[in-house]
Amino acid sequence: MRWGPLTGAPQYSLRFSNWKAGEVDAKLFSFKPPANAKKLERIDSDEVGELVLEGSK
């Protein structure tokens, strides 16, 4: 996993072995957005990889 196109950006690696989560309730992974949430159609990034949200340029 790499973060952004920057040289020297953080890099991480994970190795899972014999990983067992057991029974996990699917409700733990549900998402209910707040009533005033706004869906973003897209999220762009600038030249250095920073996120640029709609209308924030």
PDB file of N, CA and C in Angstrom:
ATOM      1  N   MET A   1       0.865  -1.162   0.000  1.00  0.00           N
ATOM      2  CA  MET A   1       0.000   0.000   0.000  1.00  0.00           C
ATOM      3  C   MET A   1       0.913   1.226   0.000  1.00  0.00           C
ATOM      4  N   ARG A   2       0.640   2.139  -0.909  1.00  0.00           N
ATOM      5  CA  ARG A   2       1.421   3.375  -0.967  1.00  0.00           C
ATOM      6  C   ARG A   2       0.492   4.553  -0.806  1.00  0.00           C
ATOM      7  N   TRP A   3       1.010   5.617  -0.246  1.00  0.00           N
ATOM      8  CA  TRP A   3       0.217   6.835  -0.071  1.00  0.00           C
ATOM      9  C   TRP A   3       0.716   7.868  -1.049  1.00  0.00           C
ATOM     10  N   GLY A   4      -0.083   8.118  -2.085  1.00  0.00           N
ATOM     11  CA  GLY A   4       0.198   9.204  -3.015  1.00  0.00           C
ATOM     12  C   GLY A   4       1.384   8.964  -3.919  1.00  0.00           C
ATOM     13  N   PRO A   5       1.540   9.875  -4.870  1.00  0.00           N
ATOM     14  CA  PRO A   5       2.611   9.734  -5.853  1.00  0.00           C
ATOM     15  C   PRO A   5       3.928  10.370  -5.414  1.00  0.00           C
ATOM     16  N   LEU A   6       4.030  10.779  -4.175  1.00  0.00           N
ATOM     17  CA  LEU A   6       5.215  11.494  -3.711  1.00  0.00           C
ATOM     18  C   LEU A   6       6.374  10.546  -3.421  1.00  0.00           C
ATOM     19  N   THR A   7       7.570  10.944  -3.820  1.00  0.00           N
ATOM     20  CA  THR A   7       8.759  10.201  -3.448  1.00  0.00           C
ATOM     21  C   THR A   7       8.930  10.305  -1.938  1.00  0.00           C
ATOM     22  N   GLY A   8       9.187   9.198  -1.310  1.00  0.00           N
ATOM     23  CA  GLY A   8       9.373   9.200   0.137  1.00  0.00           C
ATOM     24  C   GLY A   8       8.074   9.160   0.920  1.00  0.00           C
ATOM     25  N   ALA A   9       6.939   9.009   0.224  1.00  0.00           N
ATOM     26  CA  ALA A   9       5.653   8.916   0.916  1.00  0.00           C
ATOM     27  C   ALA A   9       5.640   7.632   1.753  1.00  0.00           C
ATOM     28  N   PRO A  10       4.865   7.607   2.828  1.00  0.00           N
ATOM     29  CA  PRO A  10       4.827   6.408   3.671  1.00  0.00           C
ATOM     30  C   PRO A  10       4.428   5.167   2.879  1.00  0.00           C
ATOM     31  N   GLN A  11       5.068   4.069   3.184  1.00  0.00           N
ATOM     32  CA  GLN A  11       4.724   2.787   2.585  1.00  0.00           C
ATOM     33  C   GLN A  11       4.532   1.781   3.705  1.00  0.00           C
ATOM     34  N   TYR A  12       3.570   0.913   3.545  1.00  0.00           N
ATOM     35  CA  TYR A  12       3.264  -0.070   4.565  1.00  0.00           C
ATOM     36  C   TYR A  12       3.071  -1.424   3.903  1.00  0.00           C
ATOM     37  N   SER A  13       3.353  -2.466   4.614  1.00  0.00           N
ATOM     38  CA  SER A  13       3.018  -3.798   4.138  1.00  0.00           C
ATOM     39  C   SER A  13       2.492  -4.606   5.318  1.00  0.00           C
ATOM     40  N   LEU A  14       1.528  -5.441   5.027  1.00  0.00           N
ATOM     41  CA  LEU A  14       0.923  -6.302   6.043  1.00  0.00           C
ATOM     42  C   LEU A  14       0.930  -7.730   5.522  1.00  0.00           C
ATOM     43  N   ARG A  15       1.133  -8.662   6.402  1.00  0.00           N
ATOM     44  CA  ARG A  15       1.049 -10.064   6.018  1.00  0.00           C
ATOM     45  C   ARG A  15       0.170 -10.772   7.045  1.00  0.00           C
ATOM     46  N   PHE A  16      -0.940 -11.314   6.564  1.00  0.00           N
ATOM     47  CA  PHE A  16      -1.849 -12.059   7.430  1.00  0.00           C
ATOM     48  C   PHE A  16      -1.609 -13.543   7.204  1.00  0.00           C
ATOM     49  N   SER A  17      -1.629 -14.289   8.271  1.00  0.00           N
ATOM     50  CA  SER A  17      -1.417 -15.718   8.177  1.00  0.00           C
ATOM     51  C   SER A  17      -2.397 -16.421   9.116  1.00  0.00           C
ATOM     52  N   ASN A  18      -3.134 -17.370   8.569  1.00  0.00           N
ATOM     53  CA  ASN A  18      -4.108 -18.130   9.369  1.00  0.00           C
ATOM     54  C   ASN A  18      -5.052 -17.224  10.136  1.00  0.00           C
ATOM     55  N   TRP A  19      -5.498 -16.178   9.486  1.00  0.00           N
ATOM     56  CA  TRP A  19      -6.358 -15.188  10.118  1.00  0.00           C
ATOM     57  C   TRP A  19      -7.799 -15.675  10.117  1.00  0.00           C
ATOM     58  N   LYS A  20      -8.417 -15.726  11.303  1.00  0.00           N
ATOM     59  CA  LYS A  20      -9.806 -16.164  11.430  1.00  0.00           C
ATOM     60  C   LYS A  20     -10.546 -15.164  12.308  1.00  0.00           C
ATOM     61  N   ALA A  21     -11.563 -14.562  11.753  1.00  0.00           N
ATOM     62  CA  ALA A  21     -12.327 -13.579  12.506  1.00  0.00           C
ATOM     63  C   ALA A  21     -13.462 -14.216  13.286  1.00  0.00           C
ATOM     64  N   GLY A  22     -13.819 -15.424  12.938  1.00  0.00           N
ATOM     65  CA  GLY A  22     -14.951 -16.056  13.591  1.00  0.00           C
ATOM     66  C   GLY A  22     -16.248 -15.451  13.093  1.00  0.00           C
ATOM     67  N   GLU A  23     -17.301 -15.604  13.840  1.00  0.00           N
ATOM     68  CA  GLU A  23     -18.595 -15.050  13.469  1.00  0.00           C
ATOM     69  C   GLU A  23     -18.627 -13.550  13.754  1.00  0.00           C
ATOM     70  N   VAL A  24     -18.880 -12.766  12.725  1.00  0.00           N
ATOM     71  CA  VAL A  24     -18.953 -11.318  12.872  1.00  0.00           C
ATOM     72  C   VAL A  24     -20.323 -10.870  12.378  1.00  0.00           C
ATOM     73  N   ASP A  25     -21.033 -10.117  13.197  1.00  0.00           N
ATOM     74  CA  ASP A  25     -22.361  -9.630  12.834  1.00  0.00           C
ATOM     75  C   ASP A  25     -22.252  -8.593  11.713  1.00  0.00           C
ATOM     76  N   ALA A  26     -22.955  -8.813  10.602  1.00  0.00           N
ATOM     77  CA  ALA A  26     -22.916  -7.908   9.446  1.00  0.00           C
ATOM     78  C   ALA A  26     -23.359  -6.491   9.822  1.00  0.00           C
ATOM     79  N   LYS A  27     -24.147  -6.327  10.882  1.00  0.00           N
ATOM     80  CA  LYS A  27     -24.599  -4.998  11.308  1.00  0.00           C
ATOM     81  C   LYS A  27     -23.420  -4.100  11.712  1.00  0.00           C
ATOM     82  N   LEU A  28     -22.310  -4.703  12.100  1.00  0.00           N
ATOM     83  CA  LEU A  28     -21.132  -3.917  12.467  1.00  0.00           C
ATOM     84  C   LEU A  28     -20.566  -3.159  11.273  1.00  0.00           C
ATOM     85  N   PHE A  29     -20.917  -3.586  10.058  1.00  0.00           N
ATOM     86  CA  PHE A  29     -20.379  -2.978   8.853  1.00  0.00           C
ATOM     87  C   PHE A  29     -21.406  -2.148   8.097  1.00  0.00           C
ATOM     88  N   SER A  30     -22.526  -1.858   8.705  1.00  0.00           N
ATOM     89  CA  SER A  30     -23.545  -1.054   8.034  1.00  0.00           C
ATOM     90  C   SER A  30     -23.199   0.425   8.173  1.00  0.00           C
ATOM     91  N   PHE A  31     -23.661   1.211   7.216  1.00  0.00           N
ATOM     92  CA  PHE A  31     -23.385   2.641   7.222  1.00  0.00           C
ATOM     93  C   PHE A  31     -24.684   3.404   7.047  1.00  0.00           C
ATOM     94  N   LYS A  32     -24.952   4.311   7.968  1.00  0.00           N
ATOM     95  CA  LYS A  32     -26.120   5.174   7.861  1.00  0.00           C
ATOM     96  C   LYS A  32     -25.606   6.606   7.910  1.00  0.00           C
ATOM     97  N   PRO A  33     -25.615   7.302   6.769  1.00  0.00           N
ATOM     98  CA  PRO A  33     -25.081   8.664   6.754  1.00  0.00           C
ATOM     99  C   PRO A  33     -25.947   9.614   7.571  1.00  0.00           C
ATOM    100  N   PRO A  34     -25.363  10.685   8.093  1.00  0.00           N
ATOM    101  CA  PRO A  34     -26.150  11.692   8.808  1.00  0.00           C
ATOM    102  C   PRO A  34     -27.199  12.299   7.869  1.00  0.00           C
ATOM    103  N   ALA A  35     -28.263  12.808   8.415  1.00  0.00           N
ATOM    104  CA  ALA A  35     -29.358  13.364   7.609  1.00  0.00           C
ATOM    105  C   ALA A  35     -28.886  14.497   6.706  1.00  0.00           C
ATOM    106  N   ASN A  36     -27.891  15.269   7.126  1.00  0.00           N
ATOM    107  CA  ASN A  36     -27.424  16.407   6.325  1.00  0.00           C
ATOM    108  C   ASN A  36     -26.208  16.061   5.459  1.00  0.00           C
ATOM    109  N   ALA A  37     -25.898  14.772   5.298  1.00  0.00           N
ATOM    110  CA  ALA A  37     -24.746  14.366   4.501  1.00  0.00           C
ATOM    111  C   ALA A  37     -24.982  14.660   3.024  1.00  0.00           C
ATOM    112  N   LYS A  38     -23.895  14.970   2.321  1.00  0.00           N
ATOM    113  CA  LYS A  38     -23.960  15.251   0.888  1.00  0.00           C
ATOM    114  C   LYS A  38     -23.093  14.227   0.164  1.00  0.00           C
ATOM    115  N   LYS A  39     -23.650  13.573  -0.833  1.00  0.00           N
ATOM    116  CA  LYS A  39     -22.894  12.603  -1.617  1.00  0.00           C
ATOM    117  C   LYS A  39     -21.981  13.337  -2.588  1.00  0.00           C
ATOM    118  N   LEU A  40     -20.701  12.990  -2.557  1.00  0.00           N
ATOM    119  CA  LEU A  40     -19.747  13.563  -3.494  1.00  0.00           C
ATOM    120  C   LEU A  40     -19.723  12.700  -4.748  1.00  0.00           C
ATOM    121  N   GLU A  41     -19.850  13.317  -5.895  1.00  0.00           N
ATOM    122  CA  GLU A  41     -19.814  12.568  -7.143  1.00  0.00           C
ATOM    123  C   GLU A  41     -18.391  12.122  -7.470  1.00  0.00           C
ATOM    124  N   ARG A  42     -17.414  12.913  -7.068  1.00  0.00           N
ATOM    125  CA  ARG A  42     -16.016  12.532  -7.277  1.00  0.00           C
ATOM    126  C   ARG A  42     -15.128  13.316  -6.320  1.00  0.00           C
ATOM    127  N   ILE A  43     -13.947  12.799  -6.117  1.00  0.00           N
ATOM    128  CA  ILE A  43     -12.935  13.476  -5.314  1.00  0.00           C
ATOM    129  C   ILE A  43     -11.665  13.498  -6.151  1.00  0.00           C
ATOM    130  N   ASP A  44     -11.175  14.681  -6.444  1.00  0.00           N
ATOM    131  CA  ASP A  44      -9.959  14.838  -7.237  1.00  0.00           C
ATOM    132  C   ASP A  44      -8.764  15.033  -6.327  1.00  0.00           C
ATOM    133  N   SER A  45      -7.580  14.942  -6.926  1.00  0.00           N
ATOM    134  CA  SER A  45      -6.362  15.271  -6.189  1.00  0.00           C
ATOM    135  C   SER A  45      -5.566  16.285  -6.986  1.00  0.00           C
ATOM    136  N   ASP A  46      -4.765  17.076  -6.281  1.00  0.00           N
ATOM    137  CA  ASP A  46      -3.945  18.076  -6.955  1.00  0.00           C
ATOM    138  C   ASP A  46      -2.619  17.454  -7.398  1.00  0.00           C
ATOM    139  N   GLU A  47      -1.676  18.275  -7.804  1.00  0.00           N
ATOM    140  CA  GLU A  47      -0.407  17.807  -8.364  1.00  0.00           C
ATOM    141  C   GLU A  47       0.416  16.969  -7.396  1.00  0.00           C
ATOM    142  N   VAL A  48       0.254  17.214  -6.095  1.00  0.00           N
ATOM    143  CA  VAL A  48       1.041  16.476  -5.107  1.00  0.00           C
ATOM    144  C   VAL A  48       0.238  15.377  -4.417  1.00  0.00           C
ATOM    145  N   GLY A  49      -0.978  15.134  -4.881  1.00  0.00           N
ATOM    146  CA  GLY A  49      -1.780  14.055  -4.332  1.00  0.00           C
ATOM    147  C   GLY A  49      -2.708  14.438  -3.202  1.00  0.00           C
ATOM    148  N   GLU A  50      -2.794  15.711  -2.858  1.00  0.00           N
ATOM    149  CA  GLU A  50      -3.727  16.151  -1.815  1.00  0.00           C
ATOM    150  C   GLU A  50      -5.144  16.101  -2.354  1.00  0.00           C
ATOM    151  N   LEU A  51      -6.091  15.703  -1.533  1.00  0.00           N
ATOM    152  CA  LEU A  51      -7.482  15.627  -1.970  1.00  0.00           C
ATOM    153  C   LEU A  51      -8.068  17.008  -2.161  1.00  0.00           C
ATOM    154  N   VAL A  52      -8.857  17.150  -3.217  1.00  0.00           N
ATOM    155  CA  VAL A  52      -9.532  18.408  -3.525  1.00  0.00           C
ATOM    156  C   VAL A  52     -11.015  18.083  -3.639  1.00  0.00           C
ATOM    157  N   LEU A  53     -11.807  18.558  -2.684  1.00  0.00           N
ATOM    158  CA  LEU A  53     -13.249  18.295  -2.697  1.00  0.00           C
ATOM    159  C   LEU A  53     -13.958  19.252  -3.626  1.00  0.00           C
ATOM    160  N   GLU A  54     -15.151  18.869  -4.073  1.00  0.00           N
ATOM    161  CA  GLU A  54     -15.942  19.705  -4.963  1.00  0.00           C
ATOM    162  C   GLU A  54     -16.119  21.102  -4.378  1.00  0.00           C
ATOM    163  N   GLY A  55     -15.935  22.111  -5.204  1.00  0.00           N
ATOM    164  CA  GLY A  55     -16.177  23.487  -4.791  1.00  0.00           C
ATOM    165  C   GLY A  55     -15.114  24.074  -3.885  1.00  0.00           C
ATOM    166  N   SER A  56     -14.019  23.359  -3.623  1.00  0.00           N
ATOM    167  CA  SER A  56     -13.015  23.897  -2.702  1.00  0.00           C
ATOM    168  C   SER A  56     -11.797  24.472  -3.426  1.00  0.00           C
ATOM    169  N   LYS A  57     -11.816  24.500  -4.745  1.00  0.00           N
ATOM    170  CA  LYS A  57     -10.664  25.044  -5.497  1.00  0.00           C
ATOM    171  C   LYS A  57     -10.668  26.539  -5.464  1.00  0.00           C
TER     172      LYS A  57
END
